[in-house]
Amino acid sequence: MDMINPFDKFNKEWALVTAGNKDKFNSMTISWGSMGTLWFKSVVTIYIRPDRYTFEFLNNSDYFTLSFFDEKYRDKLTMFGRNSGRDIDKVKESGFSPVFLDRGITYKEAKETIVLKKIYVQSLDKDKFSSDILKCYNDDAPAHYMIIGEVVDIINRKNV
């Protein structure tokens, strides 16, 4: 069994975060996140700017998913990150096949998916960033929101 390296999972593999329902959902690529334990729960924390289309879906959903893919899908993950679902149908462009779960949406092509129940959301405060972190932002760019999700399921490709 492969071990999950929480430091590589986001930074090197990236993920698609997906929220919404069968009728309307959106996914985007993320590379900022962490895994751990908080409030006696297994949690994943992600960071998303409020001006991203996917944030609207996250804000209005109780559950969301993080789907991880093999390296051969890197170009498709890049497309999901560079484009807005407001402008194009990213699922159609990618050729990915959505899989609708009881509590979220993943893709047939994903090697693993973490299903999360949203338990905390908060805007980060730029005034509290150290100067080296503040350099990651343009002056007018909004600070990311931190979204903490409780892990409710981990699905491997063979189970989808």
Protein backbone atom coordinates (compact mmCIF):
# COMPACT_ATOMS: atom_id res chain seq x y z
CA MET A 1 0.00 0.00 0.00
CA ASP A 2 1.32 3.43 -0.92
CA MET A 3 1.77 5.91 1.90
CA ILE A 4 0.21 9.35 1.55
CA ASN A 5 2.84 12.03 1.97
CA PRO A 6 0.77 15.04 3.11
CA PHE A 7 3.55 17.43 2.08
CA ASP A 8 3.58 16.19 -1.52
CA LYS A 9 -0.14 15.55 -1.91
CA PHE A 10 -1.04 19.15 -2.72
CA ASN A 11 2.28 20.69 -3.67
CA LYS A 12 3.36 18.08 -6.20
CA GLU A 13 0.22 16.14 -7.15
CA TRP A 14 -2.34 18.96 -7.07
CA ALA A 15 -6.04 18.15 -6.77
CA LEU A 16 -9.39 19.10 -8.18
CA VAL A 17 -11.72 20.51 -5.58
CA THR A 18 -15.34 20.00 -6.60
CA ALA A 19 -18.56 21.25 -5.04
CA GLY A 20 -22.17 21.50 -6.11
CA ASN A 21 -24.75 18.95 -7.15
CA LYS A 22 -25.70 16.82 -10.18
CA ASP A 23 -27.43 19.75 -11.83
CA LYS A 24 -24.68 22.31 -11.35
CA PHE A 25 -21.15 21.91 -10.02
CA ASN A 26 -17.68 23.25 -10.60
CA SER A 27 -14.12 22.04 -10.13
CA MET A 28 -10.81 23.85 -9.95
CA THR A 29 -7.21 22.85 -9.43
CA ILE A 30 -5.68 23.58 -6.04
CA SER A 31 -2.16 23.11 -4.75
CA TRP A 32 -2.45 24.70 -1.30
CA GLY A 33 -3.71 22.45 1.45
CA SER A 34 -2.91 20.41 4.50
CA MET A 35 -4.03 17.22 6.20
CA GLY A 36 -4.16 16.57 9.91
CA THR A 37 -6.23 16.28 13.04
CA LEU A 38 -8.34 19.06 14.53
CA TRP A 39 -11.13 18.95 17.08
CA PHE A 40 -10.60 15.16 17.33
CA LYS A 41 -11.43 14.80 13.65
CA SER A 42 -9.41 13.85 10.57
CA VAL A 43 -9.44 17.00 8.48
CA VAL A 44 -8.19 18.53 5.27
CA THR A 45 -7.72 22.28 4.96
CA ILE A 46 -7.77 24.01 1.59
CA TYR A 47 -7.29 27.64 0.58
CA ILE A 48 -9.31 29.36 -2.15
CA ARG A 49 -9.76 32.97 -3.19
CA PRO A 50 -13.34 34.25 -2.92
CA ASP A 51 -13.29 35.54 -6.50
CA ARG A 52 -12.96 32.01 -7.88
CA TYR A 53 -16.17 30.55 -9.35
CA THR A 54 -15.70 27.32 -7.40
CA PHE A 55 -15.79 29.31 -4.15
CA GLU A 56 -19.48 30.06 -4.80
CA PHE A 57 -20.18 26.33 -4.94
CA LEU A 58 -18.08 25.62 -1.84
CA ASN A 59 -19.87 28.37 0.02
CA ASN A 60 -23.27 26.86 -0.79
CA SER A 61 -22.41 23.19 -0.25
CA ASP A 62 -22.15 21.11 2.91
CA TYR A 63 -19.80 18.61 1.21
CA PHE A 64 -16.96 18.86 -1.26
CA THR A 65 -14.38 16.51 -2.73
CA LEU A 66 -10.68 16.54 -3.47
CA SER A 67 -9.75 14.31 -6.39
CA PHE A 68 -6.15 13.35 -7.09
CA PHE A 69 -4.94 12.13 -10.49
CA ASP A 70 -1.99 10.35 -12.08
CA GLU A 71 0.72 12.56 -13.59
CA LYS A 72 -0.54 11.85 -17.12
CA TYR A 73 -3.48 14.19 -16.40
CA ARG A 74 -1.30 17.18 -15.43
CA ASP A 75 -2.20 19.17 -18.56
CA LYS A 76 -5.91 18.74 -17.82
CA LEU A 77 -5.40 19.84 -14.22
CA THR A 78 -3.58 22.90 -15.53
CA MET A 79 -6.60 23.70 -17.72
CA PHE A 80 -8.94 23.40 -14.70
CA GLY A 81 -6.77 25.88 -12.81
CA ARG A 82 -6.26 28.45 -15.56
CA ASN A 83 -9.86 28.68 -16.72
CA SER A 84 -13.09 29.66 -15.02
CA GLY A 85 -16.23 27.58 -15.14
CA ARG A 86 -17.99 30.89 -15.76
CA ASP A 87 -16.35 30.96 -19.21
CA ILE A 88 -15.96 27.37 -20.39
CA ASP A 89 -17.26 23.89 -19.64
CA LYS A 90 -14.09 22.50 -18.07
CA VAL A 91 -15.49 18.98 -17.75
CA LYS A 92 -16.28 18.86 -21.46
CA GLU A 93 -12.89 20.37 -22.37
CA SER A 94 -11.04 17.83 -20.20
CA GLY A 95 -12.98 14.78 -21.35
CA PHE A 96 -13.26 13.72 -17.69
CA SER A 97 -16.26 11.63 -16.64
CA PRO A 98 -18.06 12.92 -13.52
CA VAL A 99 -19.10 10.36 -10.91
CA PHE A 100 -21.93 11.49 -8.63
CA LEU A 101 -21.55 10.22 -5.09
CA ASP A 102 -24.02 10.42 -2.21
CA ARG A 103 -22.07 13.36 -0.77
CA GLY A 104 -20.07 14.87 -3.58
CA ILE A 105 -18.72 14.57 -7.08
CA THR A 106 -15.51 13.00 -8.34
CA TYR A 107 -14.21 11.80 -11.68
CA LYS A 108 -13.79 8.31 -13.09
CA GLU A 109 -10.18 9.22 -13.98
CA ALA A 110 -9.24 10.15 -10.38
CA LYS A 111 -6.87 7.76 -8.63
CA GLU A 112 -8.28 8.75 -5.25
CA THR A 113 -10.89 11.08 -3.86
CA ILE A 114 -11.36 12.47 -0.39
CA VAL A 115 -14.97 13.30 0.48
CA LEU A 116 -15.21 16.12 3.01
CA LYS A 117 -17.91 17.69 5.15
CA LYS A 118 -17.34 21.43 5.45
CA ILE A 119 -16.91 22.30 9.14
CA TYR A 120 -15.18 25.71 9.15
CA VAL A 121 -14.67 28.64 6.78
CA GLN A 122 -12.71 31.82 7.46
CA SER A 123 -11.09 34.57 5.44
CA LEU A 124 -7.37 34.97 5.95
CA ASP A 125 -6.29 38.43 7.13
CA LYS A 126 -3.53 39.95 4.99
CA ASP A 127 -2.58 42.25 7.88
CA LYS A 128 -1.41 39.19 9.80
CA PHE A 129 0.82 37.76 7.03
CA SER A 130 4.56 37.96 7.37
CA SER A 131 6.18 40.16 4.73
CA ASP A 132 7.56 37.18 2.77
CA ILE A 133 4.09 35.60 2.53
CA LEU A 134 2.48 38.91 1.58
CA LYS A 135 4.69 38.87 -1.53
CA CYS A 136 2.52 36.00 -2.83
CA TYR A 137 -0.31 38.50 -3.38
CA ASN A 138 -0.85 41.40 -5.73
CA ASP A 139 -1.99 44.46 -3.80
CA ASP A 140 -5.55 44.16 -5.06
CA ALA A 141 -5.83 40.36 -4.90
CA PRO A 142 -8.22 39.17 -2.19
CA ALA A 143 -6.85 36.97 0.55
CA HIS A 144 -7.72 33.29 0.37
CA TYR A 145 -10.38 31.69 2.48
CA MET A 146 -9.44 28.71 4.62
CA ILE A 147 -11.95 25.89 4.34
CA ILE A 148 -11.66 22.96 6.73
CA GLY A 149 -13.41 19.73 5.86
CA GLU A 150 -13.87 16.63 7.98
CA VAL A 151 -12.89 13.48 6.11
CA VAL A 152 -16.00 11.34 5.67
CA ASP A 153 -14.66 8.94 3.04
CA ILE A 154 -11.55 8.15 0.99
CA ILE A 155 -12.26 6.46 -2.32
CA ASN A 156 -9.58 4.68 -4.34
CA ARG A 157 -9.94 4.27 -8.10
CA LYS A 158 -10.93 0.65 -7.81
CA ASN A 159 -13.93 1.65 -5.64
CA VAL A 160 -15.39 4.28 -8.01
